[in-house]
Amino acid sequence: MADFEIKRGDTWPPLEAQLTGESGVIDLTDADSVRVNLRSDTVSIVTGPVDFVDRAAGKLSYQWETGDLAVAGTYRGEFEIHWNTGDIQTVPNDDYFTVEVFQDLDPS
């Protein structure tokens, strides 16, 4: 079972997460932005920036945009944090989360 499941073309519900690392919750107070990177065997998706729900608690939400989930399939995912120092951190750094985009019945 995937960590997040949605139908092709849908924009709701948003992807919500709490980012953690080896030391626990990642405080995003000093993050400039976070993006979601998804990849299947044939498709790569890099989203626009996420919304911060609670920076100190590492909580964020990404509201899917039209076209983000245009192709059904199983995607490996990661969050890319851009810190105000110019550094970049990828979470998780030792694995991926999974997003399953199911084919819908609408032929368009």
PDB file of N, CA and C in Angstrom:
ATOM      1  N   MET A   1       0.838  -1.185   0.000  1.00  0.00           N
ATOM      2  CA  MET A   1       0.000   0.000   0.000  1.00  0.00           C
ATOM      3  C   MET A   1       0.884   1.250   0.000  1.00  0.00           C
ATOM      4  N   ALA A   2       0.510   2.220  -0.804  1.00  0.00           N
ATOM      5  CA  ALA A   2       1.265   3.463  -0.924  1.00  0.00           C
ATOM      6  C   ALA A   2       1.038   4.364   0.288  1.00  0.00           C
ATOM      7  N   ASP A   3       1.945   5.293   0.505  1.00  0.00           N
ATOM      8  CA  ASP A   3       1.802   6.259   1.586  1.00  0.00           C
ATOM      9  C   ASP A   3       0.694   7.267   1.290  1.00  0.00           C
ATOM     10  N   PHE A   4       0.455   7.535  -0.009  1.00  0.00           N
ATOM     11  CA  PHE A   4      -0.589   8.477  -0.430  1.00  0.00           C
ATOM     12  C   PHE A   4      -1.206   7.927  -1.698  1.00  0.00           C
ATOM     13  N   GLU A   5      -2.545   7.921  -1.762  1.00  0.00           N
ATOM     14  CA  GLU A   5      -3.255   7.399  -2.938  1.00  0.00           C
ATOM     15  C   GLU A   5      -4.235   8.450  -3.441  1.00  0.00           C
ATOM     16  N   ILE A   6      -4.334   8.558  -4.770  1.00  0.00           N
ATOM     17  CA  ILE A   6      -5.196   9.564  -5.386  1.00  0.00           C
ATOM     18  C   ILE A   6      -5.508   9.105  -6.813  1.00  0.00           C
ATOM     19  N   LYS A   7      -6.574   9.624  -7.402  1.00  0.00           N
ATOM     20  CA  LYS A   7      -6.918   9.296  -8.789  1.00  0.00           C
ATOM     21  C   LYS A   7      -6.265  10.290  -9.753  1.00  0.00           C
ATOM     22  N   ARG A   8      -5.986   9.808 -10.950  1.00  0.00           N
ATOM     23  CA  ARG A   8      -5.369  10.614 -12.007  1.00  0.00           C
ATOM     24  C   ARG A   8      -6.180  11.892 -12.237  1.00  0.00           C
ATOM     25  N   GLY A   9      -5.490  13.021 -12.288  1.00  0.00           N
ATOM     26  CA  GLY A   9      -6.135  14.298 -12.576  1.00  0.00           C
ATOM     27  C   GLY A   9      -6.733  15.002 -11.376  1.00  0.00           C
ATOM     28  N   ASP A  10      -6.835  14.315 -10.234  1.00  0.00           N
ATOM     29  CA  ASP A  10      -7.426  14.955  -9.054  1.00  0.00           C
ATOM     30  C   ASP A  10      -6.466  15.979  -8.462  1.00  0.00           C
ATOM     31  N   THR A  11      -7.043  16.969  -7.787  1.00  0.00           N
ATOM     32  CA  THR A  11      -6.257  17.980  -7.091  1.00  0.00           C
ATOM     33  C   THR A  11      -6.580  18.009  -5.595  1.00  0.00           C
ATOM     34  N   TRP A  12      -7.442  17.114  -5.147  1.00  0.00           N
ATOM     35  CA  TRP A  12      -7.812  17.019  -3.731  1.00  0.00           C
ATOM     36  C   TRP A  12      -7.822  15.563  -3.332  1.00  0.00           C
ATOM     37  N   PRO A  13      -7.351  15.169  -2.211  1.00  0.00           N
ATOM     38  CA  PRO A  13      -6.866  15.972  -1.088  1.00  0.00           C
ATOM     39  C   PRO A  13      -5.410  16.368  -1.272  1.00  0.00           C
ATOM     40  N   PRO A  14      -4.985  17.372  -0.521  1.00  0.00           N
ATOM     41  CA  PRO A  14      -3.576  17.768  -0.594  1.00  0.00           C
ATOM     42  C   PRO A  14      -2.663  16.710   0.019  1.00  0.00           C
ATOM     43  N   LEU A  15      -1.411  16.751  -0.349  1.00  0.00           N
ATOM     44  CA  LEU A  15      -0.383  15.900   0.250  1.00  0.00           C
ATOM     45  C   LEU A  15       0.091  16.597   1.523  1.00  0.00           C
ATOM     46  N   GLU A  16      -0.059  15.932   2.657  1.00  0.00           N
ATOM     47  CA  GLU A  16       0.348  16.512   3.929  1.00  0.00           C
ATOM     48  C   GLU A  16       1.431  15.641   4.548  1.00  0.00           C
ATOM     49  N   ALA A  17       2.396  16.293   5.213  1.00  0.00           N
ATOM     50  CA  ALA A  17       3.506  15.542   5.796  1.00  0.00           C
ATOM     51  C   ALA A  17       4.095  16.302   6.974  1.00  0.00           C
ATOM     52  N   GLN A  18       4.772  15.537   7.814  1.00  0.00           N
ATOM     53  CA  GLN A  18       5.610  16.097   8.870  1.00  0.00           C
ATOM     54  C   GLN A  18       7.006  15.558   8.620  1.00  0.00           C
ATOM     55  N   LEU A  19       7.951  16.450   8.336  1.00  0.00           N
ATOM     56  CA  LEU A  19       9.289  16.026   7.968  1.00  0.00           C
ATOM     57  C   LEU A  19      10.112  15.702   9.207  1.00  0.00           C
ATOM     58  N   THR A  20      10.753  14.540   9.149  1.00  0.00           N
ATOM     59  CA  THR A  20      11.587  14.092  10.264  1.00  0.00           C
ATOM     60  C   THR A  20      12.908  13.569   9.716  1.00  0.00           C
ATOM     61  N   GLY A  21      13.903  13.576  10.581  1.00  0.00           N
ATOM     62  CA  GLY A  21      15.216  13.047  10.255  1.00  0.00           C
ATOM     63  C   GLY A  21      15.709  12.190  11.398  1.00  0.00           C
ATOM     64  N   GLU A  22      16.970  11.877  11.407  1.00  0.00           N
ATOM     65  CA  GLU A  22      17.544  11.031  12.454  1.00  0.00           C
ATOM     66  C   GLU A  22      17.361  11.618  13.848  1.00  0.00           C
ATOM     67  N   SER A  23      17.339  12.949  13.943  1.00  0.00           N
ATOM     68  CA  SER A  23      17.217  13.609  15.248  1.00  0.00           C
ATOM     69  C   SER A  23      15.779  13.951  15.608  1.00  0.00           C
ATOM     70  N   GLY A  24      14.822  13.506  14.802  1.00  0.00           N
ATOM     71  CA  GLY A  24      13.416  13.797  15.073  1.00  0.00           C
ATOM     72  C   GLY A  24      12.848  14.784  14.067  1.00  0.00           C
ATOM     73  N   VAL A  25      11.915  15.602  14.532  1.00  0.00           N
ATOM     74  CA  VAL A  25      11.224  16.562  13.672  1.00  0.00           C
ATOM     75  C   VAL A  25      12.217  17.584  13.118  1.00  0.00           C
ATOM     76  N   ILE A  26      12.059  17.920  11.843  1.00  0.00           N
ATOM     77  CA  ILE A  26      12.902  18.934  11.211  1.00  0.00           C
ATOM     78  C   ILE A  26      12.204  20.281  11.331  1.00  0.00           C
ATOM     79  N   ASP A  27      12.829  21.204  12.034  1.00  0.00           N
ATOM     80  CA  ASP A  27      12.306  22.559  12.205  1.00  0.00           C
ATOM     81  C   ASP A  27      12.523  23.314  10.896  1.00  0.00           C
ATOM     82  N   LEU A  28      11.447  23.741  10.261  1.00  0.00           N
ATOM     83  CA  LEU A  28      11.513  24.409   8.964  1.00  0.00           C
ATOM     84  C   LEU A  28      11.478  25.932   9.075  1.00  0.00           C
ATOM     85  N   THR A  29      11.702  26.453  10.268  1.00  0.00           N
ATOM     86  CA  THR A  29      11.647  27.899  10.490  1.00  0.00           C
ATOM     87  C   THR A  29      12.579  28.647   9.551  1.00  0.00           C
ATOM     88  N   ASP A  30      13.758  28.113   9.279  1.00  0.00           N
ATOM     89  CA  ASP A  30      14.742  28.784   8.428  1.00  0.00           C
ATOM     90  C   ASP A  30      14.738  28.277   6.986  1.00  0.00           C
ATOM     91  N   ALA A  31      13.676  27.588   6.591  1.00  0.00           N
ATOM     92  CA  ALA A  31      13.576  27.104   5.210  1.00  0.00           C
ATOM     93  C   ALA A  31      12.968  28.190   4.324  1.00  0.00           C
ATOM     94  N   ASP A  32      13.577  28.411   3.160  1.00  0.00           N
ATOM     95  CA  ASP A  32      12.994  29.336   2.184  1.00  0.00           C
ATOM     96  C   ASP A  32      11.818  28.684   1.465  1.00  0.00           C
ATOM     97  N   SER A  33      11.997  27.414   1.099  1.00  0.00           N
ATOM     98  CA  SER A  33      10.938  26.707   0.385  1.00  0.00           C
ATOM     99  C   SER A  33      11.168  25.204   0.477  1.00  0.00           C
ATOM    100  N   VAL A  34      10.104  24.476   0.172  1.00  0.00           N
ATOM    101  CA  VAL A  34      10.169  23.016   0.062  1.00  0.00           C
ATOM    102  C   VAL A  34       9.393  22.631  -1.180  1.00  0.00           C
ATOM    103  N   ARG A  35       9.947  21.738  -1.961  1.00  0.00           N
ATOM    104  CA  ARG A  35       9.269  21.217  -3.155  1.00  0.00           C
ATOM    105  C   ARG A  35       9.139  19.704  -3.022  1.00  0.00           C
ATOM    106  N   VAL A  36       8.200  19.155  -3.768  1.00  0.00           N
ATOM    107  CA  VAL A  36       7.996  17.708  -3.811  1.00  0.00           C
ATOM    108  C   VAL A  36       8.540  17.208  -5.144  1.00  0.00           C
ATOM    109  N   ASN A  37       9.381  16.189  -5.098  1.00  0.00           N
ATOM    110  CA  ASN A  37       9.893  15.534  -6.302  1.00  0.00           C
ATOM    111  C   ASN A  37       9.296  14.137  -6.359  1.00  0.00           C
ATOM    112  N   LEU A  38       8.668  13.805  -7.483  1.00  0.00           N
ATOM    113  CA  LEU A  38       8.087  12.477  -7.686  1.00  0.00           C
ATOM    114  C   LEU A  38       8.652  11.889  -8.972  1.00  0.00           C
ATOM    115  N   ARG A  39       8.865  10.574  -8.968  1.00  0.00           N
ATOM    116  CA  ARG A  39       9.352   9.911 -10.172  1.00  0.00           C
ATOM    117  C   ARG A  39       8.765   8.510 -10.261  1.00  0.00           C
ATOM    118  N   SER A  40       8.219   8.193 -11.435  1.00  0.00           N
ATOM    119  CA  SER A  40       7.810   6.819 -11.751  1.00  0.00           C
ATOM    120  C   SER A  40       8.852   6.274 -12.721  1.00  0.00           C
ATOM    121  N   ASP A  41       8.572   5.147 -13.328  1.00  0.00           N
ATOM    122  CA  ASP A  41       9.502   4.591 -14.307  1.00  0.00           C
ATOM    123  C   ASP A  41       9.594   5.454 -15.561  1.00  0.00           C
ATOM    124  N   THR A  42       8.544   6.257 -15.829  1.00  0.00           N
ATOM    125  CA  THR A  42       8.498   7.021 -17.072  1.00  0.00           C
ATOM    126  C   THR A  42       8.274   8.522 -16.899  1.00  0.00           C
ATOM    127  N   VAL A  43       7.873   8.969 -15.708  1.00  0.00           N
ATOM    128  CA  VAL A  43       7.483  10.370 -15.509  1.00  0.00           C
ATOM    129  C   VAL A  43       8.192  10.962 -14.292  1.00  0.00           C
ATOM    130  N   SER A  44       8.649  12.218 -14.426  1.00  0.00           N
ATOM    131  CA  SER A  44       9.186  12.966 -13.297  1.00  0.00           C
ATOM    132  C   SER A  44       8.308  14.189 -13.063  1.00  0.00           C
ATOM    133  N   ILE A  45       8.037  14.479 -11.802  1.00  0.00           N
ATOM    134  CA  ILE A  45       7.222  15.629 -11.426  1.00  0.00           C
ATOM    135  C   ILE A  45       7.983  16.418 -10.368  1.00  0.00           C
ATOM    136  N   VAL A  46       8.146  17.708 -10.601  1.00  0.00           N
ATOM    137  CA  VAL A  46       8.681  18.621  -9.588  1.00  0.00           C
ATOM    138  C   VAL A  46       7.591  19.652  -9.360  1.00  0.00           C
ATOM    139  N   THR A  47       7.102  19.722  -8.136  1.00  0.00           N
ATOM    140  CA  THR A  47       5.962  20.588  -7.848  1.00  0.00           C
ATOM    141  C   THR A  47       6.399  22.018  -7.561  1.00  0.00           C
ATOM    142  N   GLY A  48       5.413  22.884  -7.483  1.00  0.00           N
ATOM    143  CA  GLY A  48       5.629  24.214  -6.952  1.00  0.00           C
ATOM    144  C   GLY A  48       5.884  24.101  -5.463  1.00  0.00           C
ATOM    145  N   PRO A  49       6.134  25.214  -4.793  1.00  0.00           N
ATOM    146  CA  PRO A  49       6.441  25.156  -3.363  1.00  0.00           C
ATOM    147  C   PRO A  49       5.239  24.720  -2.529  1.00  0.00           C
ATOM    148  N   VAL A  50       5.543  24.086  -1.401  1.00  0.00           N
ATOM    149  CA  VAL A  50       4.510  23.644  -0.464  1.00  0.00           C
ATOM    150  C   VAL A  50       4.080  24.816   0.407  1.00  0.00           C
ATOM    151  N   ASP A  51       2.970  24.629   1.113  1.00  0.00           N
ATOM    152  CA  ASP A  51       2.538  25.572   2.138  1.00  0.00           C
ATOM    153  C   ASP A  51       3.025  25.048   3.476  1.00  0.00           C
ATOM    154  N   PHE A  52       3.557  25.935   4.294  1.00  0.00           N
ATOM    155  CA  PHE A  52       3.982  25.548   5.637  1.00  0.00           C
ATOM    156  C   PHE A  52       2.770  25.600   6.563  1.00  0.00           C
ATOM    157  N   VAL A  53       2.473  24.496   7.224  1.00  0.00           N
ATOM    158  CA  VAL A  53       1.357  24.418   8.166  1.00  0.00           C
ATOM    159  C   VAL A  53       1.845  24.811   9.561  1.00  0.00           C
ATOM    160  N   ASP A  54       2.986  24.258   9.975  1.00  0.00           N
ATOM    161  CA  ASP A  54       3.614  24.568  11.262  1.00  0.00           C
ATOM    162  C   ASP A  54       5.112  24.375  11.064  1.00  0.00           C
ATOM    163  N   ARG A  55       5.819  25.450  10.789  1.00  0.00           N
ATOM    164  CA  ARG A  55       7.244  25.369  10.460  1.00  0.00           C
ATOM    165  C   ARG A  55       8.053  24.676  11.558  1.00  0.00           C
ATOM    166  N   ALA A  56       7.848  25.086  12.818  1.00  0.00           N
ATOM    167  CA  ALA A  56       8.640  24.535  13.921  1.00  0.00           C
ATOM    168  C   ALA A  56       8.418  23.035  14.081  1.00  0.00           C
ATOM    169  N   ALA A  57       7.220  22.568  13.766  1.00  0.00           N
ATOM    170  CA  ALA A  57       6.888  21.149  13.891  1.00  0.00           C
ATOM    171  C   ALA A  57       7.142  20.374  12.600  1.00  0.00           C
ATOM    172  N   GLY A  58       7.702  21.041  11.577  1.00  0.00           N
ATOM    173  CA  GLY A  58       8.019  20.365  10.329  1.00  0.00           C
ATOM    174  C   GLY A  58       6.816  19.958   9.501  1.00  0.00           C
ATOM    175  N   LYS A  59       5.666  20.602   9.737  1.00  0.00           N
ATOM    176  CA  LYS A  59       4.434  20.214   9.032  1.00  0.00           C
ATOM    177  C   LYS A  59       4.214  21.079   7.797  1.00  0.00           C
ATOM    178  N   LEU A  60       3.857  20.408   6.702  1.00  0.00           N
ATOM    179  CA  LEU A  60       3.614  21.105   5.454  1.00  0.00           C
ATOM    180  C   LEU A  60       2.467  20.454   4.694  1.00  0.00           C
ATOM    181  N   SER A  61       2.016  21.153   3.662  1.00  0.00           N
ATOM    182  CA  SER A  61       0.914  20.668   2.836  1.00  0.00           C
ATOM    183  C   SER A  61       1.165  21.122   1.406  1.00  0.00           C
ATOM    184  N   TYR A  62       0.921  20.220   0.458  1.00  0.00           N
ATOM    185  CA  TYR A  62       1.026  20.599  -0.949  1.00  0.00           C
ATOM    186  C   TYR A  62      -0.331  20.422  -1.610  1.00  0.00           C
ATOM    187  N   GLN A  63      -0.868  21.509  -2.125  1.00  0.00           N
ATOM    188  CA  GLN A  63      -2.125  21.481  -2.865  1.00  0.00           C
ATOM    189  C   GLN A  63      -1.800  21.170  -4.321  1.00  0.00           C
ATOM    190  N   TRP A  64      -2.202  19.996  -4.780  1.00  0.00           N
ATOM    191  CA  TRP A  64      -1.918  19.578  -6.156  1.00  0.00           C
ATOM    192  C   TRP A  64      -2.431  20.605  -7.144  1.00  0.00           C
ATOM    193  N   GLU A  65      -1.685  20.842  -8.198  1.00  0.00           N
ATOM    194  CA  GLU A  65      -2.101  21.729  -9.275  1.00  0.00           C
ATOM    195  C   GLU A  65      -2.582  20.897 -10.448  1.00  0.00           C
ATOM    196  N   THR A  66      -3.455  21.457 -11.262  1.00  0.00           N
ATOM    197  CA  THR A  66      -3.932  20.771 -12.456  1.00  0.00           C
ATOM    198  C   THR A  66      -2.727  20.377 -13.300  1.00  0.00           C
ATOM    199  N   GLY A  67      -2.669  19.119 -13.684  1.00  0.00           N
ATOM    200  CA  GLY A  67      -1.569  18.614 -14.500  1.00  0.00           C
ATOM    201  C   GLY A  67      -0.494  17.891 -13.706  1.00  0.00           C
ATOM    202  N   ASP A  68      -0.438  18.118 -12.388  1.00  0.00           N
ATOM    203  CA  ASP A  68       0.572  17.418 -11.579  1.00  0.00           C
ATOM    204  C   ASP A  68       0.428  15.912 -11.707  1.00  0.00           C
ATOM    205  N   LEU A  69      -0.798  15.433 -11.644  1.00  0.00           N
ATOM    206  CA  LEU A  69      -1.060  13.988 -11.595  1.00  0.00           C
ATOM    207  C   LEU A  69      -1.765  13.527 -12.869  1.00  0.00           C
ATOM    208  N   ALA A  70      -1.197  13.886 -14.006  1.00  0.00           N
ATOM    209  CA  ALA A  70      -1.815  13.574 -15.300  1.00  0.00           C
ATOM    210  C   ALA A  70      -1.595  12.136 -15.739  1.00  0.00           C
ATOM    211  N   VAL A  71      -0.608  11.462 -15.152  1.00  0.00           N
ATOM    212  CA  VAL A  71      -0.262  10.108 -15.589  1.00  0.00           C
ATOM    213  C   VAL A  71      -0.368   9.157 -14.401  1.00  0.00           C
ATOM    214  N   ALA A  72      -1.199   8.117 -14.558  1.00  0.00           N
ATOM    215  CA  ALA A  72      -1.358   7.118 -13.505  1.00  0.00           C
ATOM    216  C   ALA A  72      -0.072   6.320 -13.346  1.00  0.00           C
ATOM    217  N   GLY A  73       0.165   5.847 -12.123  1.00  0.00           N
ATOM    218  CA  GLY A  73       1.342   5.029 -11.872  1.00  0.00           C
ATOM    219  C   GLY A  73       1.774   5.105 -10.422  1.00  0.00           C
ATOM    220  N   THR A  74       2.834   4.388 -10.113  1.00  0.00           N
ATOM    221  CA  THR A  74       3.419   4.396  -8.777  1.00  0.00           C
ATOM    222  C   THR A  74       4.646   5.291  -8.810  1.00  0.00           C
ATOM    223  N   TYR A  75       4.675   6.273  -7.923  1.00  0.00           N
ATOM    224  CA  TYR A  75       5.756   7.251  -7.876  1.00  0.00           C
ATOM    225  C   TYR A  75       6.540   7.130  -6.574  1.00  0.00           C
ATOM    226  N   ARG A  76       7.856   7.247  -6.664  1.00  0.00           N
ATOM    227  CA  ARG A  76       8.708   7.408  -5.488  1.00  0.00           C
ATOM    228  C   ARG A  76       8.799   8.904  -5.250  1.00  0.00           C
ATOM    229  N   GLY A  77       8.781   9.302  -3.984  1.00  0.00           N
ATOM    230  CA  GLY A  77       8.775  10.729  -3.702  1.00  0.00           C
ATOM    231  C   GLY A  77       9.769  11.134  -2.641  1.00  0.00           C
ATOM    232  N   GLU A  78      10.114  12.419  -2.685  1.00  0.00           N
ATOM    233  CA  GLU A  78      10.978  13.012  -1.670  1.00  0.00           C
ATOM    234  C   GLU A  78      10.664  14.497  -1.585  1.00  0.00           C
ATOM    235  N   PHE A  79      10.996  15.082  -0.452  1.00  0.00           N
ATOM    236  CA  PHE A  79      10.844  16.513  -0.238  1.00  0.00           C
ATOM    237  C   PHE A  79      12.221  17.148  -0.334  1.00  0.00           C
ATOM    238  N   GLU A  80      12.323  18.263  -1.034  1.00  0.00           N
ATOM    239  CA  GLU A  80      13.585  18.968  -1.181  1.00  0.00           C
ATOM    240  C   GLU A  80      13.462  20.314  -0.466  1.00  0.00           C
ATOM    241  N   ILE A  81      14.203  20.439   0.642  1.00  0.00           N
ATOM    242  CA  ILE A  81      14.172  21.656   1.456  1.00  0.00           C
ATOM    243  C   ILE A  81      15.266  22.595   0.969  1.00  0.00           C
ATOM    244  N   HIS A  82      14.907  23.833   0.693  1.00  0.00           N
ATOM    245  CA  HIS A  82      15.866  24.873   0.329  1.00  0.00           C
ATOM    246  C   HIS A  82      15.977  25.811   1.529  1.00  0.00           C
ATOM    247  N   TRP A  83      17.133  25.752   2.198  1.00  0.00           N
ATOM    248  CA  TRP A  83      17.372  26.549   3.406  1.00  0.00           C
ATOM    249  C   TRP A  83      17.806  27.960   3.039  1.00  0.00           C
ATOM    250  N   ASN A  84      17.577  28.898   3.957  1.00  0.00           N
ATOM    251  CA  ASN A  84      17.947  30.295   3.692  1.00  0.00           C
ATOM    252  C   ASN A  84      19.464  30.498   3.632  1.00  0.00           C
ATOM    253  N   THR A  85      20.242  29.486   3.945  1.00  0.00           N
ATOM    254  CA  THR A  85      21.709  29.526   3.827  1.00  0.00           C
ATOM    255  C   THR A  85      22.169  29.172   2.412  1.00  0.00           C
ATOM    256  N   GLY A  86      21.226  28.695   1.575  1.00  0.00           N
ATOM    257  CA  GLY A  86      21.572  28.228   0.238  1.00  0.00           C
ATOM    258  C   GLY A  86      21.751  26.723   0.172  1.00  0.00           C
ATOM    259  N   ASP A  87      21.751  26.069   1.337  1.00  0.00           N
ATOM    260  CA  ASP A  87      21.885  24.608   1.375  1.00  0.00           C
ATOM    261  C   ASP A  87      20.583  23.937   0.965  1.00  0.00           C
ATOM    262  N   ILE A  88      20.707  22.695   0.485  1.00  0.00           N
ATOM    263  CA  ILE A  88      19.562  21.881   0.087  1.00  0.00           C
ATOM    264  C   ILE A  88      19.619  20.578   0.864  1.00  0.00           C
ATOM    265  N   GLN A  89      18.479  20.163   1.382  1.00  0.00           N
ATOM    266  CA  GLN A  89      18.366  18.903   2.131  1.00  0.00           C
ATOM    267  C   GLN A  89      17.209  18.103   1.555  1.00  0.00           C
ATOM    268  N   THR A  90      17.429  16.821   1.283  1.00  0.00           N
ATOM    269  CA  THR A  90      16.391  15.943   0.757  1.00  0.00           C
ATOM    270  C   THR A  90      15.903  15.016   1.858  1.00  0.00           C
ATOM    271  N   VAL A  91      14.574  14.917   1.983  1.00  0.00           N
ATOM    272  CA  VAL A  91      13.947  14.097   3.023  1.00  0.00           C
ATOM    273  C   VAL A  91      12.891  13.210   2.379  1.00  0.00           C
ATOM    274  N   PRO A  92      12.851  11.924   2.649  1.00  0.00           N
ATOM    275  CA  PRO A  92      13.831  11.202   3.449  1.00  0.00           C
ATOM    276  C   PRO A  92      15.150  11.069   2.688  1.00  0.00           C
ATOM    277  N   ASN A  93      16.249  10.945   3.427  1.00  0.00           N
ATOM    278  CA  ASN A  93      17.549  10.870   2.760  1.00  0.00           C
ATOM    279  C   ASN A  93      18.038   9.443   2.563  1.00  0.00           C
ATOM    280  N   ASP A  94      17.277   8.463   3.048  1.00  0.00           N
ATOM    281  CA  ASP A  94      17.706   7.068   2.923  1.00  0.00           C
ATOM    282  C   ASP A  94      16.663   6.178   2.243  1.00  0.00           C
ATOM    283  N   ASP A  95      15.575   6.770   1.769  1.00  0.00           N
ATOM    284  CA  ASP A  95      14.499   6.004   1.149  1.00  0.00           C
ATOM    285  C   ASP A  95      13.587   6.988   0.426  1.00  0.00           C
ATOM    286  N   TYR A  96      12.369   6.580   0.126  1.00  0.00           N
ATOM    287  CA  TYR A  96      11.370   7.414  -0.530  1.00  0.00           C
ATOM    288  C   TYR A  96      10.033   7.166   0.131  1.00  0.00           C
ATOM    289  N   PHE A  97       9.088   8.088  -0.067  1.00  0.00           N
ATOM    290  CA  PHE A  97       7.699   7.776   0.235  1.00  0.00           C
ATOM    291  C   PHE A  97       7.048   7.434  -1.103  1.00  0.00           C
ATOM    292  N   THR A  98       5.897   6.807  -1.084  1.00  0.00           N
ATOM    293  CA  THR A  98       5.265   6.389  -2.336  1.00  0.00           C
ATOM    294  C   THR A  98       3.908   7.064  -2.524  1.00  0.00           C
ATOM    295  N   VAL A  99       3.649   7.421  -3.769  1.00  0.00           N
ATOM    296  CA  VAL A  99       2.362   7.993  -4.170  1.00  0.00           C
ATOM    297  C   VAL A  99       1.815   7.107  -5.272  1.00  0.00           C
ATOM    298  N   GLU A 100       0.609   6.603  -5.074  1.00  0.00           N
ATOM    299  CA  GLU A 100      -0.056   5.790  -6.097  1.00  0.00           C
ATOM    300  C   GLU A 100      -1.136   6.646  -6.751  1.00  0.00           C
ATOM    301  N   VAL A 101      -0.988   6.859  -8.061  1.00  0.00           N
ATOM    302  CA  VAL A 101      -1.976   7.599  -8.839  1.00  0.00           C
ATOM    303  C   VAL A 101      -2.739   6.571  -9.664  1.00  0.00           C
ATOM    304  N   PHE A 102      -4.004   6.358  -9.304  1.00  0.00           N
ATOM    305  CA  PHE A 102      -4.829   5.366  -9.970  1.00  0.00           C
ATOM    306  C   PHE A 102      -5.481   5.960 -11.216  1.00  0.00           C
ATOM    307  N   GLN A 103      -5.638   5.116 -12.223  1.00  0.00           N
ATOM    308  CA  GLN A 103      -6.348   5.521 -13.427  1.00  0.00           C
ATOM    309  C   GLN A 103      -7.808   5.786 -13.053  1.00  0.00           C
ATOM    310  N   ASP A 104      -8.364   6.905 -13.531  1.00  0.00           N
ATOM    311  CA  ASP A 104      -9.769   7.171 -13.295  1.00  0.00           C
ATOM    312  C   ASP A 104     -10.568   6.669 -14.492  1.00  0.00           C
ATOM    313  N   LEU A 105     -11.892   6.717 -14.420  1.00  0.00           N
ATOM    314  CA  LEU A 105     -12.748   6.183 -15.474  1.00  0.00           C
ATOM    315  C   LEU A 105     -13.105   7.206 -16.536  1.00  0.00           C
ATOM    316  N   ASP A 106     -12.733   8.465 -16.329  1.00  0.00           N
ATOM    317  CA  ASP A 106     -12.994   9.525 -17.292  1.00  0.00           C
ATOM    318  C   ASP A 106     -11.994   9.382 -18.435  1.00  0.00           C
ATOM    319  N   PRO A 107     -12.450   9.138 -19.663  1.00  0.00           N
ATOM    320  CA  PRO A 107     -11.530   8.915 -20.783  1.00  0.00           C
ATOM    321  C   PRO A 107     -10.812  10.169 -21.268  1.00  0.00           C
ATOM    322  N   SER A 108     -11.194  11.354 -20.789  1.00  0.00           N
ATOM    323  CA  SER A 108     -10.555  12.584 -21.295  1.00  0.00           C
ATOM    324  C   SER A 108      -9.263  12.903 -20.582  1.00  0.00           C
TER     325      SER A 108
END
